[in-house]
């Protein structure tokens, strides 16, 4: 499952007044996703000078890939 699919499904289950308009879920999901990408990216270490920094870098890169729908999420449907 892609992150955007998970987010849109969550939005569809909420009580958003615009949810019956075509594209409303995507219109809400896009700025939320962009905000999450920016927030996660702030945690990317400039240089991996320790094992902790290296691990954090790997995690942040993976999260950014998931937020960009480059990889599937390990979510049970």
PDB file of N, CA and C in Angstrom:
ATOM      1  N   UNK A   1       0.850  -1.171   0.000  1.00  0.00           N
ATOM      2  CA  UNK A   1       0.000   0.000   0.000  1.00  0.00           C
ATOM      3  C   UNK A   1       0.898   1.238   0.000  1.00  0.00           C
ATOM      4  N   UNK A   2       0.541   2.219  -0.764  1.00  0.00           N
ATOM      5  CA  UNK A   2       1.282   3.477  -0.815  1.00  0.00           C
ATOM      6  C   UNK A   2       0.813   4.402   0.303  1.00  0.00           C
ATOM      7  N   UNK A   3       1.711   5.296   0.743  1.00  0.00           N
ATOM      8  CA  UNK A   3       1.364   6.241   1.799  1.00  0.00           C
ATOM      9  C   UNK A   3       0.157   7.081   1.401  1.00  0.00           C
ATOM     10  N   UNK A   4       0.155   7.570   0.155  1.00  0.00           N
ATOM     11  CA  UNK A   4      -0.954   8.438  -0.263  1.00  0.00           C
ATOM     12  C   UNK A   4      -2.284   7.695  -0.229  1.00  0.00           C
ATOM     13  N   UNK A   5      -2.279   6.409  -0.545  1.00  0.00           N
ATOM     14  CA  UNK A   5      -3.506   5.611  -0.489  1.00  0.00           C
ATOM     15  C   UNK A   5      -3.987   5.500   0.949  1.00  0.00           C
ATOM     16  N   UNK A   6      -3.068   5.223   1.863  1.00  0.00           N
ATOM     17  CA  UNK A   6      -3.410   5.120   3.276  1.00  0.00           C
ATOM     18  C   UNK A   6      -3.985   6.442   3.790  1.00  0.00           C
ATOM     19  N   UNK A   7      -3.352   7.548   3.424  1.00  0.00           N
ATOM     20  CA  UNK A   7      -3.804   8.860   3.861  1.00  0.00           C
ATOM     21  C   UNK A   7      -5.178   9.181   3.282  1.00  0.00           C
ATOM     22  N   UNK A   8      -5.364   8.928   2.003  1.00  0.00           N
ATOM     23  CA  UNK A   8      -6.652   9.222   1.359  1.00  0.00           C
ATOM     24  C   UNK A   8      -7.763   8.363   1.952  1.00  0.00           C
ATOM     25  N   UNK A   9      -7.484   7.098   2.233  1.00  0.00           N
ATOM     26  CA  UNK A   9      -8.495   6.247   2.865  1.00  0.00           C
ATOM     27  C   UNK A   9      -8.865   6.782   4.251  1.00  0.00           C
ATOM     28  N   UNK A  10      -7.874   7.276   4.987  1.00  0.00           N
ATOM     29  CA  UNK A  10      -8.150   7.863   6.304  1.00  0.00           C
ATOM     30  C   UNK A  10      -9.008   9.107   6.166  1.00  0.00           C
ATOM     31  N   UNK A  11      -8.711   9.921   5.166  1.00  0.00           N
ATOM     32  CA  UNK A  11      -9.495  11.141   4.934  1.00  0.00           C
ATOM     33  C   UNK A  11     -10.920  10.777   4.543  1.00  0.00           C
ATOM     34  N   UNK A  12     -11.086   9.746   3.719  1.00  0.00           N
ATOM     35  CA  UNK A  12     -12.423   9.326   3.301  1.00  0.00           C
ATOM     36  C   UNK A  12     -13.280   8.886   4.487  1.00  0.00           C
ATOM     37  N   UNK A  13     -12.645   8.349   5.513  1.00  0.00           N
ATOM     38  CA  UNK A  13     -13.385   7.882   6.681  1.00  0.00           C
ATOM     39  C   UNK A  13     -13.700   9.014   7.651  1.00  0.00           C
ATOM     40  N   UNK A  14     -13.115  10.186   7.415  1.00  0.00           N
ATOM     41  CA  UNK A  14     -13.377  11.318   8.298  1.00  0.00           C
ATOM     42  C   UNK A  14     -14.629  12.058   7.839  1.00  0.00           C
ATOM     43  N   UNK A  15     -15.011  13.026   8.619  1.00  0.00           N
ATOM     44  CA  UNK A  15     -16.231  13.783   8.323  1.00  0.00           C
ATOM     45  C   UNK A  15     -15.871  15.129   7.707  1.00  0.00           C
ATOM     46  N   UNK A  16     -15.255  15.096   6.546  1.00  0.00           N
ATOM     47  CA  UNK A  16     -14.897  16.319   5.841  1.00  0.00           C
ATOM     48  C   UNK A  16     -16.080  16.728   4.964  1.00  0.00           C
ATOM     49  N   UNK A  17     -16.582  17.944   5.095  1.00  0.00           N
ATOM     50  CA  UNK A  17     -17.746  18.352   4.308  1.00  0.00           C
ATOM     51  C   UNK A  17     -17.527  18.256   2.799  1.00  0.00           C
ATOM     52  N   UNK A  18     -16.292  18.431   2.329  1.00  0.00           N
ATOM     53  CA  UNK A  18     -16.018  18.412   0.894  1.00  0.00           C
ATOM     54  C   UNK A  18     -15.809  17.012   0.340  1.00  0.00           C
ATOM     55  N   UNK A  19     -15.919  16.006   1.154  1.00  0.00           N
ATOM     56  CA  UNK A  19     -15.517  14.673   0.730  1.00  0.00           C
ATOM     57  C   UNK A  19     -16.350  14.112  -0.410  1.00  0.00           C
ATOM     58  N   UNK A  20     -17.491  14.695  -0.691  1.00  0.00           N
ATOM     59  CA  UNK A  20     -18.312  14.194  -1.780  1.00  0.00           C
ATOM     60  C   UNK A  20     -17.956  14.841  -3.114  1.00  0.00           C
ATOM     61  N   UNK A  21     -17.096  15.841  -3.097  1.00  0.00           N
ATOM     62  CA  UNK A  21     -16.653  16.464  -4.327  1.00  0.00           C
ATOM     63  C   UNK A  21     -15.490  15.664  -4.895  1.00  0.00           C
ATOM     64  N   UNK A  22     -15.475  15.439  -6.206  1.00  0.00           N
ATOM     65  CA  UNK A  22     -14.367  14.689  -6.813  1.00  0.00           C
ATOM     66  C   UNK A  22     -13.026  15.361  -6.537  1.00  0.00           C
ATOM     67  N   UNK A  23     -12.064  14.558  -6.094  1.00  0.00           N
ATOM     68  CA  UNK A  23     -10.727  15.071  -5.827  1.00  0.00           C
ATOM     69  C   UNK A  23     -10.542  15.735  -4.482  1.00  0.00           C
ATOM     70  N   UNK A  24     -11.573  15.760  -3.651  1.00  0.00           N
ATOM     71  CA  UNK A  24     -11.472  16.428  -2.351  1.00  0.00           C
ATOM     72  C   UNK A  24     -10.434  15.758  -1.461  1.00  0.00           C
ATOM     73  N   UNK A  25     -10.397  14.421  -1.467  1.00  0.00           N
ATOM     74  CA  UNK A  25      -9.437  13.708  -0.615  1.00  0.00           C
ATOM     75  C   UNK A  25      -8.002  14.042  -1.014  1.00  0.00           C
ATOM     76  N   UNK A  26      -7.740  14.037  -2.324  1.00  0.00           N
ATOM     77  CA  UNK A  26      -6.401  14.350  -2.806  1.00  0.00           C
ATOM     78  C   UNK A  26      -6.028  15.800  -2.490  1.00  0.00           C
ATOM     79  N   UNK A  27      -7.011  16.702  -2.575  1.00  0.00           N
ATOM     80  CA  UNK A  27      -6.759  18.107  -2.277  1.00  0.00           C
ATOM     81  C   UNK A  27      -6.356  18.306  -0.819  1.00  0.00           C
ATOM     82  N   UNK A  28      -6.889  17.494   0.067  1.00  0.00           N
ATOM     83  CA  UNK A  28      -6.524  17.557   1.482  1.00  0.00           C
ATOM     84  C   UNK A  28      -5.209  16.816   1.719  1.00  0.00           C
ATOM     85  N   UNK A  29      -5.030  15.675   1.082  1.00  0.00           N
ATOM     86  CA  UNK A  29      -3.861  14.831   1.318  1.00  0.00           C
ATOM     87  C   UNK A  29      -2.561  15.469   0.833  1.00  0.00           C
ATOM     88  N   UNK A  30      -2.587  16.181  -0.271  1.00  0.00           N
ATOM     89  CA  UNK A  30      -1.359  16.740  -0.844  1.00  0.00           C
ATOM     90  C   UNK A  30      -0.649  17.706   0.101  1.00  0.00           C
ATOM     91  N   UNK A  31      -1.309  18.724   0.656  1.00  0.00           N
ATOM     92  CA  UNK A  31      -0.576  19.613   1.563  1.00  0.00           C
ATOM     93  C   UNK A  31      -0.148  18.926   2.863  1.00  0.00           C
ATOM     94  N   UNK A  32      -0.928  17.973   3.319  1.00  0.00           N
ATOM     95  CA  UNK A  32      -0.540  17.225   4.524  1.00  0.00           C
ATOM     96  C   UNK A  32       0.734  16.428   4.236  1.00  0.00           C
ATOM     97  N   UNK A  33       0.782  15.768   3.093  1.00  0.00           N
ATOM     98  CA  UNK A  33       1.962  14.996   2.717  1.00  0.00           C
ATOM     99  C   UNK A  33       3.183  15.890   2.578  1.00  0.00           C
ATOM    100  N   UNK A  34       3.024  17.038   1.940  1.00  0.00           N
ATOM    101  CA  UNK A  34       4.152  17.965   1.769  1.00  0.00           C
ATOM    102  C   UNK A  34       4.660  18.460   3.121  1.00  0.00           C
ATOM    103  N   UNK A  35       3.741  18.735   4.054  1.00  0.00           N
ATOM    104  CA  UNK A  35       4.145  19.159   5.386  1.00  0.00           C
ATOM    105  C   UNK A  35       4.911  18.049   6.095  1.00  0.00           C
ATOM    106  N   UNK A  36       4.429  16.807   5.963  1.00  0.00           N
ATOM    107  CA  UNK A  36       5.123  15.678   6.588  1.00  0.00           C
ATOM    108  C   UNK A  36       6.507  15.465   5.987  1.00  0.00           C
ATOM    109  N   UNK A  37       6.634  15.603   4.674  1.00  0.00           N
ATOM    110  CA  UNK A  37       7.949  15.473   4.029  1.00  0.00           C
ATOM    111  C   UNK A  37       8.923  16.513   4.582  1.00  0.00           C
ATOM    112  N   UNK A  38       8.472  17.756   4.687  1.00  0.00           N
ATOM    113  CA  UNK A  38       9.333  18.828   5.203  1.00  0.00           C
ATOM    114  C   UNK A  38       9.742  18.548   6.644  1.00  0.00           C
ATOM    115  N   UNK A  39       8.795  18.080   7.449  1.00  0.00           N
ATOM    116  CA  UNK A  39       9.085  17.792   8.848  1.00  0.00           C
ATOM    117  C   UNK A  39      10.071  16.634   8.977  1.00  0.00           C
ATOM    118  N   UNK A  40       9.843  15.554   8.238  1.00  0.00           N
ATOM    119  CA  UNK A  40      10.743  14.398   8.302  1.00  0.00           C
ATOM    120  C   UNK A  40      12.132  14.792   7.796  1.00  0.00           C
ATOM    121  N   UNK A  41      12.200  15.587   6.739  1.00  0.00           N
ATOM    122  CA  UNK A  41      13.489  15.986   6.163  1.00  0.00           C
ATOM    123  C   UNK A  41      14.340  16.794   7.135  1.00  0.00           C
ATOM    124  N   UNK A  42      13.710  17.500   8.082  1.00  0.00           N
ATOM    125  CA  UNK A  42      14.495  18.267   9.051  1.00  0.00           C
ATOM    126  C   UNK A  42      15.308  17.369   9.971  1.00  0.00           C
ATOM    127  N   UNK A  43      14.967  16.093  10.019  1.00  0.00           N
ATOM    128  CA  UNK A  43      15.667  15.148  10.878  1.00  0.00           C
ATOM    129  C   UNK A  43      16.789  14.406  10.157  1.00  0.00           C
ATOM    130  N   UNK A  44      17.054  14.782   8.909  1.00  0.00           N
ATOM    131  CA  UNK A  44      18.115  14.143   8.143  1.00  0.00           C
ATOM    132  C   UNK A  44      19.453  14.713   8.585  1.00  0.00           C
ATOM    133  N   UNK A  45      20.338  13.873   9.157  1.00  0.00           N
ATOM    134  CA  UNK A  45      21.633  14.381   9.599  1.00  0.00           C
ATOM    135  C   UNK A  45      22.481  14.805   8.394  1.00  0.00           C
ATOM    136  N   UNK A  46      23.228  15.898   8.570  1.00  0.00           N
ATOM    137  CA  UNK A  46      24.066  16.393   7.471  1.00  0.00           C
ATOM    138  C   UNK A  46      25.147  15.384   7.100  1.00  0.00           C
ATOM    139  N   UNK A  47      25.737  14.778   8.092  1.00  0.00           N
ATOM    140  CA  UNK A  47      26.778  13.774   7.850  1.00  0.00           C
ATOM    141  C   UNK A  47      26.557  12.618   8.808  1.00  0.00           C
ATOM    142  N   UNK A  48      26.731  11.411   8.303  1.00  0.00           N
ATOM    143  CA  UNK A  48      26.577  10.225   9.147  1.00  0.00           C
ATOM    144  C   UNK A  48      27.916   9.949   9.820  1.00  0.00           C
ATOM    145  N   UNK A  49      28.166  10.630  10.950  1.00  0.00           N
ATOM    146  CA  UNK A  49      29.458  10.511  11.626  1.00  0.00           C
ATOM    147  C   UNK A  49      29.450   9.451  12.723  1.00  0.00           C
ATOM    148  N   UNK A  50      28.287   8.875  12.997  1.00  0.00           N
ATOM    149  CA  UNK A  50      28.201   7.819  14.005  1.00  0.00           C
ATOM    150  C   UNK A  50      27.191   6.782  13.529  1.00  0.00           C
ATOM    151  N   UNK A  51      27.151   5.657  14.210  1.00  0.00           N
ATOM    152  CA  UNK A  51      26.175   4.628  13.855  1.00  0.00           C
ATOM    153  C   UNK A  51      24.753   5.150  14.038  1.00  0.00           C
ATOM    154  N   UNK A  52      24.549   5.945  15.076  1.00  0.00           N
ATOM    155  CA  UNK A  52      23.221   6.525  15.302  1.00  0.00           C
ATOM    156  C   UNK A  52      22.825   7.419  14.129  1.00  0.00           C
ATOM    157  N   UNK A  53      23.741   8.314  13.719  1.00  0.00           N
ATOM    158  CA  UNK A  53      23.460   9.210  12.594  1.00  0.00           C
ATOM    159  C   UNK A  53      23.185   8.421  11.325  1.00  0.00           C
ATOM    160  N   UNK A  54      23.963   7.371  11.093  1.00  0.00           N
ATOM    161  CA  UNK A  54      23.761   6.543   9.904  1.00  0.00           C
ATOM    162  C   UNK A  54      22.382   5.887   9.945  1.00  0.00           C
ATOM    163  N   UNK A  55      22.014   5.333  11.094  1.00  0.00           N
ATOM    164  CA  UNK A  55      20.705   4.710  11.241  1.00  0.00           C
ATOM    165  C   UNK A  55      19.578   5.713  11.054  1.00  0.00           C
ATOM    166  N   UNK A  56      19.760   6.913  11.607  1.00  0.00           N
ATOM    167  CA  UNK A  56      18.741   7.955  11.452  1.00  0.00           C
ATOM    168  C   UNK A  56      18.621   8.358   9.992  1.00  0.00           C
ATOM    169  N   UNK A  57      19.750   8.467   9.306  1.00  0.00           N
ATOM    170  CA  UNK A  57      19.725   8.832   7.889  1.00  0.00           C
ATOM    171  C   UNK A  57      18.971   7.784   7.078  1.00  0.00           C
ATOM    172  N   UNK A  58      19.235   6.510   7.335  1.00  0.00           N
ATOM    173  CA  UNK A  58      18.551   5.434   6.621  1.00  0.00           C
ATOM    174  C   UNK A  58      17.043   5.506   6.878  1.00  0.00           C
ATOM    175  N   UNK A  59      16.660   5.724   8.124  1.00  0.00           N
ATOM    176  CA  UNK A  59      15.242   5.810   8.469  1.00  0.00           C
ATOM    177  C   UNK A  59      14.575   7.003   7.796  1.00  0.00           C
ATOM    178  N   UNK A  60      15.208   8.162   7.850  1.00  0.00           N
ATOM    179  CA  UNK A  60      14.623   9.364   7.253  1.00  0.00           C
ATOM    180  C   UNK A  60      14.474   9.190   5.744  1.00  0.00           C
ATOM    181  N   UNK A  61      15.490   8.636   5.096  1.00  0.00           N
ATOM    182  CA  UNK A  61      15.410   8.403   3.648  1.00  0.00           C
ATOM    183  C   UNK A  61      14.252   7.461   3.340  1.00  0.00           C
ATOM    184  N   UNK A  62      14.111   6.401   4.124  1.00  0.00           N
ATOM    185  CA  UNK A  62      13.016   5.446   3.912  1.00  0.00           C
ATOM    186  C   UNK A  62      11.653   6.127   4.100  1.00  0.00           C
ATOM    187  N   UNK A  63      11.505   6.924   5.137  1.00  0.00           N
ATOM    188  CA  UNK A  63      10.238   7.622   5.364  1.00  0.00           C
ATOM    189  C   UNK A  63       9.915   8.579   4.223  1.00  0.00           C
ATOM    190  N   UNK A  64      10.922   9.280   3.723  1.00  0.00           N
ATOM    191  CA  UNK A  64      10.697  10.187   2.596  1.00  0.00           C
ATOM    192  C   UNK A  64      10.300   9.411   1.342  1.00  0.00           C
ATOM    193  N   UNK A  65      10.881   8.237   1.154  1.00  0.00           N
ATOM    194  CA  UNK A  65      10.487   7.384   0.023  1.00  0.00           C
ATOM    195  C   UNK A  65       9.028   6.962   0.163  1.00  0.00           C
ATOM    196  N   UNK A  66       8.622   6.604   1.367  1.00  0.00           N
ATOM    197  CA  UNK A  66       7.237   6.201   1.596  1.00  0.00           C
ATOM    198  C   UNK A  66       6.287   7.374   1.383  1.00  0.00           C
ATOM    199  N   UNK A  67       6.655   8.553   1.858  1.00  0.00           N
ATOM    200  CA  UNK A  67       5.806   9.735   1.678  1.00  0.00           C
ATOM    201  C   UNK A  67       5.685  10.129   0.210  1.00  0.00           C
ATOM    202  N   UNK A  68       6.699   9.788  -0.584  1.00  0.00           N
ATOM    203  CA  UNK A  68       6.684  10.099  -2.020  1.00  0.00           C
ATOM    204  C   UNK A  68       6.104   8.962  -2.846  1.00  0.00           C
ATOM    205  N   UNK A  69       5.607   7.921  -2.183  1.00  0.00           N
ATOM    206  CA  UNK A  69       5.042   6.735  -2.852  1.00  0.00           C
ATOM    207  C   UNK A  69       6.052   5.994  -3.725  1.00  0.00           C
ATOM    208  N   UNK A  70       7.327   6.083  -3.374  1.00  0.00           N
ATOM    209  CA  UNK A  70       8.361   5.362  -4.105  1.00  0.00           C
ATOM    210  C   UNK A  70       8.417   3.898  -3.688  1.00  0.00           C
ATOM    211  N   UNK A  71       7.961   3.609  -2.459  1.00  0.00           N
ATOM    212  CA  UNK A  71       7.931   2.234  -1.960  1.00  0.00           C
ATOM    213  C   UNK A  71       6.594   2.003  -1.260  1.00  0.00           C
ATOM    214  N   UNK A  72       6.208   0.742  -1.169  1.00  0.00           N
ATOM    215  CA  UNK A  72       4.973   0.393  -0.488  1.00  0.00           C
ATOM    216  C   UNK A  72       5.187   0.379   1.024  1.00  0.00           C
ATOM    217  N   UNK A  73       4.113   0.663   1.742  1.00  0.00           N
ATOM    218  CA  UNK A  73       4.113   0.558   3.191  1.00  0.00           C
ATOM    219  C   UNK A  73       3.811  -0.875   3.588  1.00  0.00           C
ATOM    220  N   UNK A  74       4.352  -1.291   4.693  1.00  0.00           N
ATOM    221  CA  UNK A  74       4.057  -2.629   5.215  1.00  0.00           C
ATOM    222  C   UNK A  74       2.841  -2.506   6.125  1.00  0.00           C
ATOM    223  N   UNK A  75       1.683  -2.353   5.522  1.00  0.00           N
ATOM    224  CA  UNK A  75       0.432  -2.155   6.264  1.00  0.00           C
ATOM    225  C   UNK A  75      -0.509  -3.316   5.959  1.00  0.00           C
ATOM    226  N   UNK A  76      -1.072  -3.847   7.014  1.00  0.00           N
ATOM    227  CA  UNK A  76      -2.078  -4.901   6.832  1.00  0.00           C
ATOM    228  C   UNK A  76      -3.399  -4.241   6.476  1.00  0.00           C
ATOM    229  N   UNK A  77      -4.006  -4.710   5.426  1.00  0.00           N
ATOM    230  CA  UNK A  77      -5.282  -4.116   4.995  1.00  0.00           C
ATOM    231  C   UNK A  77      -6.448  -4.890   5.538  1.00  0.00           C
TER     232      UNK A  77
END
